[in-house]
Full PDB file with SEQRES, HELIX, SHEET, SSBOND, CRYST1, ORIGX, SCALE, CONECT and MASTER records, all heavy atoms in Angstrom:
SEQRES   1 A   31  SER VAL GLU GLU SER VAL ARG HIS LEU PRO PHE MET GLY          
SEQRES   2 A   31  GLY GLU ILE PRO ALA GLU LEU ASN ARG LEU LYS GLY SER          
SEQRES   3 A   31  MET ARG ARG LEU ALA                                          
HELIX    1 AA1 VAL A    2  ARG A    7  1                                   6    
HELIX    2 AA2 PRO A   10  MET A   12  5                                   3    
HELIX    3 AA3 ALA A   18  LEU A   30  1                                  13    
CRYST1    1.000    1.000    1.000  90.00  90.00  90.00 P 1           1          
ORIGX1      1.000000  0.000000  0.000000        0.00000                         
ORIGX2      0.000000  1.000000  0.000000        0.00000                         
ORIGX3      0.000000  0.000000  1.000000        0.00000                         
SCALE1      1.000000  0.000000  0.000000        0.00000                         
SCALE2      0.000000  1.000000  0.000000        0.00000                         
SCALE3      0.000000  0.000000  1.000000        0.00000                         
ATOM      1  N   SER A   1      14.976 -30.161 -10.981  1.00  0.00           N  
ATOM      2  CA  SER A   1      16.179 -30.945 -10.724  1.00  0.00           C  
ATOM      3  C   SER A   1      17.038 -30.295  -9.646  1.00  0.00           C  
ATOM      4  O   SER A   1      17.529 -30.957  -8.731  1.00  0.00           O  
ATOM      5  CB  SER A   1      16.984 -31.099 -12.019  1.00  0.00           C  
ATOM      6  OG  SER A   1      18.171 -31.795 -11.776  1.00  0.00           O  
ATOM      7  N   VAL A   2      17.232 -28.969  -9.738  1.00  0.00           N  
ATOM      8  CA  VAL A   2      18.032 -28.263  -8.737  1.00  0.00           C  
ATOM      9  C   VAL A   2      17.387 -28.381  -7.369  1.00  0.00           C  
ATOM     10  O   VAL A   2      18.045 -28.665  -6.361  1.00  0.00           O  
ATOM     11  CB  VAL A   2      18.202 -26.778  -9.146  1.00  0.00           C  
ATOM     12  CG1 VAL A   2      18.814 -25.990  -8.005  1.00  0.00           C  
ATOM     13  CG2 VAL A   2      19.061 -26.670 -10.400  1.00  0.00           C  
ATOM     14  N   GLU A   3      16.058 -28.180  -7.326  1.00  0.00           N  
ATOM     15  CA  GLU A   3      15.357 -28.256  -6.051  1.00  0.00           C  
ATOM     16  C   GLU A   3      15.496 -29.652  -5.453  1.00  0.00           C  
ATOM     17  O   GLU A   3      15.745 -29.814  -4.261  1.00  0.00           O  
ATOM     18  CB  GLU A   3      13.872 -27.921  -6.250  1.00  0.00           C  
ATOM     19  CG  GLU A   3      13.063 -27.975  -4.957  1.00  0.00           C  
ATOM     20  CD  GLU A   3      11.624 -27.568  -5.156  1.00  0.00           C  
ATOM     21  OE1 GLU A   3      11.366 -26.767  -6.076  1.00  0.00           O  
ATOM     22  OE2 GLU A   3      10.760 -28.050  -4.394  1.00  0.00           O  
ATOM     23  N   GLU A   4      15.346 -30.666  -6.309  1.00  0.00           N  
ATOM     24  CA  GLU A   4      15.410 -32.036  -5.804  1.00  0.00           C  
ATOM     25  C   GLU A   4      16.821 -32.366  -5.319  1.00  0.00           C  
ATOM     26  O   GLU A   4      17.009 -33.054  -4.311  1.00  0.00           O  
ATOM     27  CB  GLU A   4      14.982 -33.009  -6.914  1.00  0.00           C  
ATOM     28  CG  GLU A   4      14.659 -34.410  -6.434  1.00  0.00           C  
ATOM     29  CD  GLU A   4      13.421 -34.441  -5.544  1.00  0.00           C  
ATOM     30  OE1 GLU A   4      12.654 -33.455  -5.530  1.00  0.00           O  
ATOM     31  OE2 GLU A   4      13.234 -35.448  -4.843  1.00  0.00           O  
ATOM     32  N   SER A   5      17.838 -31.847  -6.038  1.00  0.00           N  
ATOM     33  CA  SER A   5      19.223 -32.108  -5.631  1.00  0.00           C  
ATOM     34  C   SER A   5      19.522 -31.499  -4.269  1.00  0.00           C  
ATOM     35  O   SER A   5      20.142 -32.122  -3.404  1.00  0.00           O  
ATOM     36  CB  SER A   5      20.189 -31.530  -6.677  1.00  0.00           C  
ATOM     37  OG  SER A   5      19.985 -32.161  -7.928  1.00  0.00           O  
ATOM     38  N   VAL A   6      19.082 -30.258  -4.060  1.00  0.00           N  
ATOM     39  CA  VAL A   6      19.306 -29.607  -2.773  1.00  0.00           C  
ATOM     40  C   VAL A   6      18.581 -30.357  -1.666  1.00  0.00           C  
ATOM     41  O   VAL A   6      19.109 -30.566  -0.573  1.00  0.00           O  
ATOM     42  CB  VAL A   6      18.838 -28.129  -2.842  1.00  0.00           C  
ATOM     43  CG1 VAL A   6      18.880 -27.494  -1.455  1.00  0.00           C  
ATOM     44  CG2 VAL A   6      19.703 -27.347  -3.813  1.00  0.00           C  
ATOM     45  N   ARG A   7      17.369 -30.794  -1.961  1.00  0.00           N  
ATOM     46  CA  ARG A   7      16.555 -31.478  -0.957  1.00  0.00           C  
ATOM     47  C   ARG A   7      17.253 -32.738  -0.441  1.00  0.00           C  
ATOM     48  O   ARG A   7      17.108 -33.106   0.726  1.00  0.00           O  
ATOM     49  CB  ARG A   7      15.192 -31.832  -1.566  1.00  0.00           C  
ATOM     50  CG  ARG A   7      14.196 -32.396  -0.544  1.00  0.00           C  
ATOM     51  CD  ARG A   7      12.940 -32.905  -1.239  1.00  0.00           C  
ATOM     52  NE  ARG A   7      12.289 -31.869  -2.017  1.00  0.00           N  
ATOM     53  CZ  ARG A   7      11.438 -30.982  -1.505  1.00  0.00           C  
ATOM     54  NH1 ARG A   7      11.153 -31.011  -0.215  1.00  0.00           N  
ATOM     55  NH2 ARG A   7      10.894 -30.073  -2.279  1.00  0.00           N  
ATOM     56  N   HIS A   8      18.035 -33.413  -1.313  1.00  0.00           N  
ATOM     57  CA  HIS A   8      18.642 -34.683  -0.929  1.00  0.00           C  
ATOM     58  C   HIS A   8      20.086 -34.567  -0.445  1.00  0.00           C  
ATOM     59  O   HIS A   8      20.764 -35.575  -0.248  1.00  0.00           O  
ATOM     60  CB  HIS A   8      18.571 -35.665  -2.107  1.00  0.00           C  
ATOM     61  CG  HIS A   8      17.185 -36.211  -2.319  1.00  0.00           C  
ATOM     62  ND1 HIS A   8      16.280 -35.616  -3.178  1.00  0.00           N  
ATOM     63  CD2 HIS A   8      16.549 -37.273  -1.757  1.00  0.00           C  
ATOM     64  CE1 HIS A   8      15.146 -36.296  -3.161  1.00  0.00           C  
ATOM     65  NE2 HIS A   8      15.287 -37.305  -2.296  1.00  0.00           N  
ATOM     66  N   LEU A   9      20.550 -33.307  -0.299  1.00  0.00           N  
ATOM     67  CA  LEU A   9      21.873 -33.162   0.311  1.00  0.00           C  
ATOM     68  C   LEU A   9      21.812 -33.707   1.736  1.00  0.00           C  
ATOM     69  O   LEU A   9      20.832 -33.486   2.458  1.00  0.00           O  
ATOM     70  CB  LEU A   9      22.294 -31.684   0.322  1.00  0.00           C  
ATOM     71  CG  LEU A   9      22.686 -31.093  -1.044  1.00  0.00           C  
ATOM     72  CD1 LEU A   9      22.913 -29.590  -0.919  1.00  0.00           C  
ATOM     73  CD2 LEU A   9      23.939 -31.782  -1.593  1.00  0.00           C  
ATOM     74  N   PRO A  10      22.891 -34.418   2.200  1.00  0.00           N  
ATOM     75  CA  PRO A  10      22.852 -35.088   3.514  1.00  0.00           C  
ATOM     76  C   PRO A  10      22.519 -34.155   4.668  1.00  0.00           C  
ATOM     77  O   PRO A  10      21.780 -34.511   5.574  1.00  0.00           O  
ATOM     78  CB  PRO A  10      24.265 -35.669   3.646  1.00  0.00           C  
ATOM     79  CG  PRO A  10      24.748 -35.824   2.246  1.00  0.00           C  
ATOM     80  CD  PRO A  10      24.155 -34.691   1.477  1.00  0.00           C  
ATOM     81  N   PHE A  11      23.031 -32.927   4.620  1.00  0.00           N  
ATOM     82  CA  PHE A  11      22.827 -32.033   5.759  1.00  0.00           C  
ATOM     83  C   PHE A  11      21.509 -31.264   5.675  1.00  0.00           C  
ATOM     84  O   PHE A  11      21.197 -30.469   6.540  1.00  0.00           O  
ATOM     85  CB  PHE A  11      23.990 -31.036   5.877  1.00  0.00           C  
ATOM     86  CG  PHE A  11      24.291 -30.300   4.585  1.00  0.00           C  
ATOM     87  CD1 PHE A  11      23.593 -29.150   4.255  1.00  0.00           C  
ATOM     88  CD2 PHE A  11      25.276 -30.773   3.716  1.00  0.00           C  
ATOM     89  CE1 PHE A  11      23.871 -28.480   3.081  1.00  0.00           C  
ATOM     90  CE2 PHE A  11      25.552 -30.099   2.539  1.00  0.00           C  
ATOM     91  CZ  PHE A  11      24.854 -28.952   2.212  1.00  0.00           C  
ATOM     92  N   MET A  12      20.715 -31.493   4.598  1.00  0.00           N  
ATOM     93  CA  MET A  12      19.442 -30.783   4.461  1.00  0.00           C  
ATOM     94  C   MET A  12      18.290 -31.530   5.123  1.00  0.00           C  
ATOM     95  O   MET A  12      17.240 -30.952   5.402  1.00  0.00           O  
ATOM     96  CB  MET A  12      19.103 -30.558   2.970  1.00  0.00           C  
ATOM     97  CG  MET A  12      19.949 -29.465   2.337  1.00  0.00           C  
ATOM     98  SD  MET A  12      19.662 -27.869   3.141  1.00  0.00           S  
ATOM     99  CE  MET A  12      20.809 -26.842   2.230  1.00  0.00           C  
ATOM    100  N   GLY A  13      18.445 -32.806   5.319  1.00  0.00           N  
ATOM    101  CA  GLY A  13      17.384 -33.572   5.975  1.00  0.00           C  
ATOM    102  C   GLY A  13      16.093 -33.620   5.182  1.00  0.00           C  
ATOM    103  O   GLY A  13      15.013 -33.748   5.745  1.00  0.00           O  
ATOM    104  N   GLY A  14      16.187 -33.486   3.856  1.00  0.00           N  
ATOM    105  CA  GLY A  14      14.994 -33.567   3.022  1.00  0.00           C  
ATOM    106  C   GLY A  14      14.187 -32.289   2.948  1.00  0.00           C  
ATOM    107  O   GLY A  14      13.113 -32.257   2.340  1.00  0.00           O  
ATOM    108  N   GLU A  15      14.668 -31.203   3.585  1.00  0.00           N  
ATOM    109  CA  GLU A  15      13.915 -29.955   3.597  1.00  0.00           C  
ATOM    110  C   GLU A  15      14.613 -28.892   2.747  1.00  0.00           C  
ATOM    111  O   GLU A  15      15.837 -28.884   2.623  1.00  0.00           O  
ATOM    112  CB  GLU A  15      13.773 -29.442   5.032  1.00  0.00           C  
ATOM    113  CG  GLU A  15      12.999 -30.376   5.964  1.00  0.00           C  
ATOM    114  CD  GLU A  15      11.552 -30.513   5.546  1.00  0.00           C  
ATOM    115  OE1 GLU A  15      11.010 -29.543   4.984  1.00  0.00           O  
ATOM    116  OE2 GLU A  15      10.976 -31.599   5.762  1.00  0.00           O  
ATOM    117  N   ILE A  16      13.809 -27.997   2.182  1.00  0.00           N  
ATOM    118  CA  ILE A  16      14.340 -26.863   1.433  1.00  0.00           C  
ATOM    119  C   ILE A  16      14.415 -25.660   2.376  1.00  0.00           C  
ATOM    120  O   ILE A  16      13.423 -25.313   3.018  1.00  0.00           O  
ATOM    121  CB  ILE A  16      13.438 -26.517   0.227  1.00  0.00           C  
ATOM    122  CG1 ILE A  16      13.400 -27.687  -0.750  1.00  0.00           C  
ATOM    123  CG2 ILE A  16      13.898 -25.255  -0.468  1.00  0.00           C  
ATOM    124  CD1 ILE A  16      14.713 -27.956  -1.435  1.00  0.00           C  
ATOM    125  N   PRO A  17      15.586 -25.011   2.501  1.00  0.00           N  
ATOM    126  CA  PRO A  17      15.690 -23.856   3.379  1.00  0.00           C  
ATOM    127  C   PRO A  17      14.713 -22.749   2.972  1.00  0.00           C  
ATOM    128  O   PRO A  17      14.431 -22.577   1.783  1.00  0.00           O  
ATOM    129  CB  PRO A  17      17.135 -23.386   3.195  1.00  0.00           C  
ATOM    130  CG  PRO A  17      17.857 -24.563   2.632  1.00  0.00           C  
ATOM    131  CD  PRO A  17      16.873 -25.327   1.827  1.00  0.00           C  
ATOM    132  N   ALA A  18      14.219 -22.021   3.952  1.00  0.00           N  
ATOM    133  CA  ALA A  18      13.284 -20.931   3.671  1.00  0.00           C  
ATOM    134  C   ALA A  18      13.905 -19.897   2.743  1.00  0.00           C  
ATOM    135  O   ALA A  18      13.236 -19.330   1.877  1.00  0.00           O  
ATOM    136  CB  ALA A  18      12.847 -20.272   4.977  1.00  0.00           C  
ATOM    137  N   GLU A  19      15.212 -19.664   2.907  1.00  0.00           N  
ATOM    138  CA  GLU A  19      15.889 -18.675   2.061  1.00  0.00           C  
ATOM    139  C   GLU A  19      15.843 -19.091   0.604  1.00  0.00           C  
ATOM    140  O   GLU A  19      15.640 -18.269  -0.302  1.00  0.00           O  
ATOM    141  CB  GLU A  19      17.348 -18.502   2.509  1.00  0.00           C  
ATOM    142  CG  GLU A  19      17.518 -17.884   3.892  1.00  0.00           C  
ATOM    143  CD  GLU A  19      17.316 -18.898   5.013  1.00  0.00           C  
ATOM    144  OE1 GLU A  19      17.081 -20.087   4.708  1.00  0.00           O  
ATOM    145  OE2 GLU A  19      17.366 -18.497   6.189  1.00  0.00           O  
ATOM    146  N   LEU A  20      16.042 -20.414   0.349  1.00  0.00           N  
ATOM    147  CA  LEU A  20      16.028 -20.899  -1.035  1.00  0.00           C  
ATOM    148  C   LEU A  20      14.621 -20.800  -1.622  1.00  0.00           C  
ATOM    149  O   LEU A  20      14.444 -20.458  -2.792  1.00  0.00           O  
ATOM    150  CB  LEU A  20      16.534 -22.344  -1.092  1.00  0.00           C  
ATOM    151  CG  LEU A  20      16.689 -22.942  -2.509  1.00  0.00           C  
ATOM    152  CD1 LEU A  20      17.613 -22.077  -3.350  1.00  0.00           C  
ATOM    153  CD2 LEU A  20      17.220 -24.362  -2.431  1.00  0.00           C  
ATOM    154  N   ASN A  21      13.639 -21.100  -0.811  1.00  0.00           N  
ATOM    155  CA  ASN A  21      12.254 -20.971  -1.286  1.00  0.00           C  
ATOM    156  C   ASN A  21      11.931 -19.531  -1.647  1.00  0.00           C  
ATOM    157  O   ASN A  21      11.267 -19.252  -2.644  1.00  0.00           O  
ATOM    158  CB  ASN A  21      11.270 -21.468  -0.215  1.00  0.00           C  
ATOM    159  CG  ASN A  21      10.877 -22.921  -0.434  1.00  0.00           C  
ATOM    160  OD1 ASN A  21      10.805 -23.374  -1.569  1.00  0.00           O  
ATOM    161  ND2 ASN A  21      10.651 -23.640   0.654  1.00  0.00           N  
ATOM    162  N   ARG A  22      12.416 -18.580  -0.798  1.00  0.00           N  
ATOM    163  CA  ARG A  22      12.161 -17.172  -1.094  1.00  0.00           C  
ATOM    164  C   ARG A  22      12.875 -16.749  -2.368  1.00  0.00           C  
ATOM    165  O   ARG A  22      12.331 -16.001  -3.171  1.00  0.00           O  
ATOM    166  CB  ARG A  22      12.603 -16.297   0.087  1.00  0.00           C  
ATOM    167  CG  ARG A  22      11.643 -16.367   1.287  1.00  0.00           C  
ATOM    168  CD  ARG A  22      11.915 -15.240   2.270  1.00  0.00           C  
ATOM    169  NE  ARG A  22      13.204 -15.382   2.932  1.00  0.00           N  
ATOM    170  CZ  ARG A  22      13.397 -16.058   4.057  1.00  0.00           C  
ATOM    171  NH1 ARG A  22      12.372 -16.657   4.652  1.00  0.00           N  
ATOM    172  NH2 ARG A  22      14.588 -16.143   4.608  1.00  0.00           N  
ATOM    173  N   LEU A  23      14.107 -17.222  -2.571  1.00  0.00           N  
ATOM    174  CA  LEU A  23      14.850 -16.905  -3.787  1.00  0.00           C  
ATOM    175  C   LEU A  23      14.136 -17.472  -5.005  1.00  0.00           C  
ATOM    176  O   LEU A  23      14.003 -16.809  -6.038  1.00  0.00           O  
ATOM    177  CB  LEU A  23      16.277 -17.475  -3.696  1.00  0.00           C  
ATOM    178  CG  LEU A  23      17.144 -17.285  -4.953  1.00  0.00           C  
ATOM    179  CD1 LEU A  23      17.314 -15.798  -5.259  1.00  0.00           C  
ATOM    180  CD2 LEU A  23      18.503 -17.965  -4.761  1.00  0.00           C  
ATOM    181  N   LYS A  24      13.662 -18.716  -4.862  1.00  0.00           N  
ATOM    182  CA  LYS A  24      12.940 -19.347  -5.961  1.00  0.00           C  
ATOM    183  C   LYS A  24      11.691 -18.526  -6.310  1.00  0.00           C  
ATOM    184  O   LYS A  24      11.392 -18.282  -7.481  1.00  0.00           O  
ATOM    185  CB  LYS A  24      12.538 -20.769  -5.559  1.00  0.00           C  
ATOM    186  CG  LYS A  24      11.715 -21.506  -6.603  1.00  0.00           C  
ATOM    187  CD  LYS A  24      11.292 -22.861  -6.048  1.00  0.00           C  
ATOM    188  CE  LYS A  24      10.295 -23.527  -6.979  1.00  0.00           C  
ATOM    189  NZ  LYS A  24       9.769 -24.773  -6.429  1.00  0.00           N  
ATOM    190  N   GLY A  25      10.956 -18.062  -5.281  1.00  0.00           N  
ATOM    191  CA  GLY A  25       9.754 -17.265  -5.518  1.00  0.00           C  
ATOM    192  C   GLY A  25      10.079 -15.945  -6.181  1.00  0.00           C  
ATOM    193  O   GLY A  25       9.368 -15.493  -7.083  1.00  0.00           O  
ATOM    194  N   SER A  26      11.185 -15.318  -5.761  1.00  0.00           N  
ATOM    195  CA  SER A  26      11.574 -14.037  -6.357  1.00  0.00           C  
ATOM    196  C   SER A  26      11.930 -14.197  -7.824  1.00  0.00           C  
ATOM    197  O   SER A  26      11.528 -13.385  -8.668  1.00  0.00           O  
ATOM    198  CB  SER A  26      12.760 -13.446  -5.590  1.00  0.00           C  
ATOM    199  OG  SER A  26      12.410 -13.207  -4.244  1.00  0.00           O  
ATOM    200  N   MET A  27      12.671 -15.255  -8.152  1.00  0.00           N  
ATOM    201  CA  MET A  27      13.043 -15.491  -9.548  1.00  0.00           C  
ATOM    202  C   MET A  27      11.811 -15.826 -10.381  1.00  0.00           C  
ATOM    203  O   MET A  27      11.700 -15.423 -11.539  1.00  0.00           O  
ATOM    204  CB  MET A  27      14.070 -16.622  -9.631  1.00  0.00           C  
ATOM    205  CG  MET A  27      15.391 -16.289  -8.957  1.00  0.00           C  
ATOM    206  SD  MET A  27      16.611 -17.603  -9.128  1.00  0.00           S  
ATOM    207  CE  MET A  27      16.928 -17.526 -10.872  1.00  0.00           C  
ATOM    208  N   ARG A  28      10.869 -16.545  -9.759  1.00  0.00           N  
ATOM    209  CA  ARG A  28       9.643 -16.916 -10.468  1.00  0.00           C  
ATOM    210  C   ARG A  28       8.858 -15.655 -10.857  1.00  0.00           C  
ATOM    211  O   ARG A  28       8.343 -15.546 -11.967  1.00  0.00           O  
ATOM    212  CB  ARG A  28       8.812 -17.818  -9.561  1.00  0.00           C  
ATOM    213  CG  ARG A  28       7.550 -18.399 -10.180  1.00  0.00           C  
ATOM    214  CD  ARG A  28       6.790 -19.196  -9.112  1.00  0.00           C  
ATOM    215  NE  ARG A  28       5.654 -19.869  -9.664  1.00  0.00           N  
ATOM    216  CZ  ARG A  28       5.659 -21.122 -10.111  1.00  0.00           C  
ATOM    217  NH1 ARG A  28       6.773 -21.828 -10.064  1.00  0.00           N  
ATOM    218  NH2 ARG A  28       4.560 -21.678 -10.602  1.00  0.00           N  
ATOM    219  N   ARG A  29       8.800 -14.678  -9.938  1.00  0.00           N  
ATOM    220  CA  ARG A  29       8.018 -13.475 -10.209  1.00  0.00           C  
ATOM    221  C   ARG A  29       8.667 -12.597 -11.270  1.00  0.00           C  
ATOM    222  O   ARG A  29       7.982 -11.806 -11.912  1.00  0.00           O  
ATOM    223  CB  ARG A  29       7.804 -12.689  -8.919  1.00  0.00           C  
ATOM    224  CG  ARG A  29       6.768 -13.328  -7.997  1.00  0.00           C  
ATOM    225  CD  ARG A  29       6.440 -12.425  -6.824  1.00  0.00           C  
ATOM    226  NE  ARG A  29       7.521 -12.348  -5.862  1.00  0.00           N  
ATOM    227  CZ  ARG A  29       7.693 -13.221  -4.871  1.00  0.00           C  
ATOM    228  NH1 ARG A  29       6.875 -14.242  -4.728  1.00  0.00           N  
ATOM    229  NH2 ARG A  29       8.696 -13.100  -4.033  1.00  0.00           N  
ATOM    230  N   LEU A  30       9.974 -12.752 -11.459  1.00  0.00           N  
ATOM    231  CA  LEU A  30      10.633 -11.987 -12.514  1.00  0.00           C  
ATOM    232  C   LEU A  30      10.139 -12.392 -13.888  1.00  0.00           C  
ATOM    233  O   LEU A  30      10.195 -11.612 -14.835  1.00  0.00           O  
ATOM    234  CB  LEU A  30      12.154 -12.183 -12.441  1.00  0.00           C  
ATOM    235  CG  LEU A  30      12.880 -11.485 -11.286  1.00  0.00           C  
ATOM    236  CD1 LEU A  30      14.349 -11.894 -11.289  1.00  0.00           C  
ATOM    237  CD2 LEU A  30      12.735  -9.969 -11.403  1.00  0.00           C  
ATOM    238  N   ALA A  31       9.650 -13.622 -14.004  1.00  0.00           N  
ATOM    239  CA  ALA A  31       9.260 -14.154 -15.304  1.00  0.00           C  
ATOM    240  C   ALA A  31       7.799 -13.893 -15.633  1.00  0.00           C  
ATOM    241  O   ALA A  31       7.322 -14.331 -16.661  1.00  0.00           O  
ATOM    242  CB  ALA A  31       9.523 -15.657 -15.348  1.00  0.00           C  
TER     243      ALA A  31                                                      
MASTER        0    0    0    3    0    0    0    6  242    1    0    3          
END                                                                             
């Protein structure tokens, strides 16, 4: 849900920033 919400922000143009993807990957590896 968070990822989808960020993706649809008007200034994002449907893309997820590389920084957010890296943060998501880092949090994923913690688990």
